[in-house]
Amino acid sequence: MTQRAEPSGRRLSEADASLVKGMVARNDRHHDIAAWFGVNQGRIAEVISGRKFQGAAVASTDDLPPPGPYSSGRAAHQALKALEEAKAALDLAAKNIEQALKDVKKLG
């Protein structure tokens, strides 16, 4: 018997459901909407069908996130790694600048 994965714990709020409805009205792909919120397409289908958050208003176009497609988890992970490397390089540069300023002050 195979074990199921642990639930993610991610849930849509009524405010999220309003955005979902607005994104659907804008003709966003359900896959992209689910990706934006980090949930599966079943949660989006529940909002669309009215099984969840039936009374949630449709968000205005001005309140919607940009249209998808959105970055994948892999792309987000790679971006995070690149940012961490850039931060380390900047920290080293700041340390070197600080030392150079101390050296200049000693000479002056």
C-alpha atoms as a PDB file:
ATOM      1  CA  MET A   1       0.000   0.000   0.000  1.00  0.00           C
ATOM      2  CA  THR A   2       1.430   3.387  -0.981  1.00  0.00           C
ATOM      3  CA  GLN A   3       1.376   6.221   1.478  1.00  0.00           C
ATOM      4  CA  ARG A   4      -0.100   9.586   0.649  1.00  0.00           C
ATOM      5  CA  ALA A   5       1.977  12.705   0.931  1.00  0.00           C
ATOM      6  CA  GLU A   6       1.400  14.975   3.885  1.00  0.00           C
ATOM      7  CA  PRO A   7      -1.106  17.761   3.182  1.00  0.00           C
ATOM      8  CA  SER A   8       0.562  21.082   2.342  1.00  0.00           C
ATOM      9  CA  GLY A   9      -1.596  23.001   4.783  1.00  0.00           C
ATOM     10  CA  ARG A  10      -2.189  25.681   2.167  1.00  0.00           C
ATOM     11  CA  ARG A  11      -5.747  26.915   2.121  1.00  0.00           C
ATOM     12  CA  LEU A  12      -7.610  29.535   0.183  1.00  0.00           C
ATOM     13  CA  SER A  13      -9.240  32.375   2.102  1.00  0.00           C
ATOM     14  CA  GLU A  14     -12.329  34.270   1.025  1.00  0.00           C
ATOM     15  CA  ALA A  15     -10.057  37.069  -0.239  1.00  0.00           C
ATOM     16  CA  ASP A  16      -8.131  34.486  -2.264  1.00  0.00           C
ATOM     17  CA  ALA A  17     -11.422  33.141  -3.653  1.00  0.00           C
ATOM     18  CA  SER A  18     -12.297  36.648  -4.841  1.00  0.00           C
ATOM     19  CA  LEU A  19      -8.989  36.791  -6.694  1.00  0.00           C
ATOM     20  CA  VAL A  20      -9.612  33.318  -8.134  1.00  0.00           C
ATOM     21  CA  LYS A  21     -12.969  34.464  -9.468  1.00  0.00           C
ATOM     22  CA  GLY A  22     -11.397  37.591 -10.947  1.00  0.00           C
ATOM     23  CA  MET A  23      -8.629  35.577 -12.569  1.00  0.00           C
ATOM     24  CA  VAL A  24     -11.201  33.180 -14.051  1.00  0.00           C
ATOM     25  CA  ALA A  25     -13.187  36.150 -15.369  1.00  0.00           C
ATOM     26  CA  ARG A  26      -9.960  37.388 -16.982  1.00  0.00           C
ATOM     27  CA  ASN A  27      -9.671  33.958 -18.669  1.00  0.00           C
ATOM     28  CA  ASP A  28      -6.538  32.844 -16.808  1.00  0.00           C
ATOM     29  CA  ARG A  29      -5.768  29.142 -17.090  1.00  0.00           C
ATOM     30  CA  HIS A  30      -6.850  27.177 -14.029  1.00  0.00           C
ATOM     31  CA  HIS A  31      -3.373  25.662 -13.835  1.00  0.00           C
ATOM     32  CA  ASP A  32      -1.839  29.147 -13.585  1.00  0.00           C
ATOM     33  CA  ILE A  33      -4.343  30.235 -10.941  1.00  0.00           C
ATOM     34  CA  ALA A  34      -3.553  27.166  -8.850  1.00  0.00           C
ATOM     35  CA  ALA A  35       0.173  27.808  -9.253  1.00  0.00           C
ATOM     36  CA  TRP A  36      -0.218  31.415  -8.062  1.00  0.00           C
ATOM     37  CA  PHE A  37      -1.799  30.260  -4.801  1.00  0.00           C
ATOM     38  CA  GLY A  38       0.309  27.110  -4.404  1.00  0.00           C
ATOM     39  CA  VAL A  39      -2.711  24.807  -4.356  1.00  0.00           C
ATOM     40  CA  ASN A  40      -3.914  22.110  -6.699  1.00  0.00           C
ATOM     41  CA  GLN A  41      -6.458  22.738  -9.426  1.00  0.00           C
ATOM     42  CA  GLY A  42      -9.123  20.954  -7.380  1.00  0.00           C
ATOM     43  CA  ARG A  43      -9.205  23.876  -4.932  1.00  0.00           C
ATOM     44  CA  ILE A  44      -9.684  26.272  -7.839  1.00  0.00           C
ATOM     45  CA  ALA A  45     -12.485  24.080  -9.226  1.00  0.00           C
ATOM     46  CA  GLU A  46     -14.228  24.193  -5.827  1.00  0.00           C
ATOM     47  CA  VAL A  47     -14.270  27.987  -5.939  1.00  0.00           C
ATOM     48  CA  ILE A  48     -15.422  28.088  -9.567  1.00  0.00           C
ATOM     49  CA  SER A  49     -18.219  25.580  -8.968  1.00  0.00           C
ATOM     50  CA  GLY A  50     -19.432  27.426  -5.881  1.00  0.00           C
ATOM     51  CA  ARG A  51     -18.705  24.497  -3.542  1.00  0.00           C
ATOM     52  CA  LYS A  52     -16.399  26.831  -1.630  1.00  0.00           C
ATOM     53  CA  PHE A  53     -16.725  30.563  -1.060  1.00  0.00           C
ATOM     54  CA  GLN A  54     -19.929  30.855  -3.066  1.00  0.00           C
ATOM     55  CA  GLY A  55     -20.562  34.364  -1.670  1.00  0.00           C
ATOM     56  CA  ALA A  56     -17.093  35.729  -2.413  1.00  0.00           C
ATOM     57  CA  ALA A  57     -17.197  38.713  -4.744  1.00  0.00           C
ATOM     58  CA  VAL A  58     -15.246  38.780  -7.998  1.00  0.00           C
ATOM     59  CA  ALA A  59     -12.079  40.830  -7.433  1.00  0.00           C
ATOM     60  CA  SER A  60     -11.611  43.877  -9.615  1.00  0.00           C
ATOM     61  CA  THR A  61      -9.098  43.720 -12.440  1.00  0.00           C
ATOM     62  CA  ASP A  62      -6.928  46.281 -10.615  1.00  0.00           C
ATOM     63  CA  ASP A  63      -6.560  43.910  -7.645  1.00  0.00           C
ATOM     64  CA  LEU A  64      -5.500  40.848  -9.646  1.00  0.00           C
ATOM     65  CA  PRO A  65      -1.938  39.571  -9.835  1.00  0.00           C
ATOM     66  CA  PRO A  66      -0.284  39.712 -13.249  1.00  0.00           C
ATOM     67  CA  PRO A  67      -1.459  36.978 -15.619  1.00  0.00           C
ATOM     68  CA  GLY A  68       0.508  33.722 -15.657  1.00  0.00           C
ATOM     69  CA  PRO A  69       2.275  31.563 -16.415  1.00  0.00           C
ATOM     70  CA  TYR A  70       4.209  31.825 -13.166  1.00  0.00           C
ATOM     71  CA  SER A  71       7.625  30.556 -12.189  1.00  0.00           C
ATOM     72  CA  SER A  72       7.915  26.900 -11.356  1.00  0.00           C
ATOM     73  CA  GLY A  73       9.156  25.713  -8.011  1.00  0.00           C
ATOM     74  CA  ARG A  74      12.429  24.815  -9.702  1.00  0.00           C
ATOM     75  CA  ALA A  75      12.833  28.315 -11.145  1.00  0.00           C
ATOM     76  CA  ALA A  76      12.005  29.875  -7.780  1.00  0.00           C
ATOM     77  CA  HIS A  77      14.579  27.646  -6.076  1.00  0.00           C
ATOM     78  CA  GLN A  78      17.240  28.567  -8.645  1.00  0.00           C
ATOM     79  CA  ALA A  79      16.429  32.268  -8.200  1.00  0.00           C
ATOM     80  CA  LEU A  80      16.727  31.928  -4.426  1.00  0.00           C
ATOM     81  CA  LYS A  81      20.122  30.225  -4.763  1.00  0.00           C
ATOM     82  CA  ALA A  82      21.314  32.994  -7.110  1.00  0.00           C
ATOM     83  CA  LEU A  83      20.132  35.655  -4.646  1.00  0.00           C
ATOM     84  CA  GLU A  84      21.945  33.912  -1.789  1.00  0.00           C
ATOM     85  CA  GLU A  85      25.156  33.837  -3.846  1.00  0.00           C
ATOM     86  CA  ALA A  86      24.736  37.507  -4.770  1.00  0.00           C
ATOM     87  CA  LYS A  87      24.192  38.403  -1.116  1.00  0.00           C
ATOM     88  CA  ALA A  88      27.341  36.544  -0.106  1.00  0.00           C
ATOM     89  CA  ALA A  89      29.300  38.421  -2.792  1.00  0.00           C
ATOM     90  CA  LEU A  90      27.860  41.753  -1.631  1.00  0.00           C
ATOM     91  CA  ASP A  91      28.647  40.942   2.008  1.00  0.00           C
ATOM     92  CA  LEU A  92      32.253  40.184   1.048  1.00  0.00           C
ATOM     93  CA  ALA A  93      32.467  43.389  -1.003  1.00  0.00           C
ATOM     94  CA  ALA A  94      31.103  45.421   1.924  1.00  0.00           C
ATOM     95  CA  LYS A  95      33.652  43.832   4.242  1.00  0.00           C
ATOM     96  CA  ASN A  96      36.469  44.646   1.792  1.00  0.00           C
ATOM     97  CA  ILE A  97      35.263  48.246   1.427  1.00  0.00           C
ATOM     98  CA  GLU A  98      35.086  48.635   5.195  1.00  0.00           C
ATOM     99  CA  GLN A  99      38.653  47.361   5.525  1.00  0.00           C
ATOM    100  CA  ALA A 100      39.867  49.645   2.716  1.00  0.00           C
ATOM    101  CA  LEU A 101      38.266  52.652   4.422  1.00  0.00           C
ATOM    102  CA  LYS A 102      40.001  51.753   7.701  1.00  0.00           C
ATOM    103  CA  ASP A 103      43.318  51.449   5.865  1.00  0.00           C
ATOM    104  CA  VAL A 104      42.844  54.857   4.209  1.00  0.00           C
ATOM    105  CA  LYS A 105      42.027  56.484   7.547  1.00  0.00           C
ATOM    106  CA  LYS A 106      45.248  55.046   9.044  1.00  0.00           C
ATOM    107  CA  LEU A 107      47.266  56.621   6.222  1.00  0.00           C
ATOM    108  CA  GLY A 108      45.540  60.003   6.522  1.00  0.00           C
END
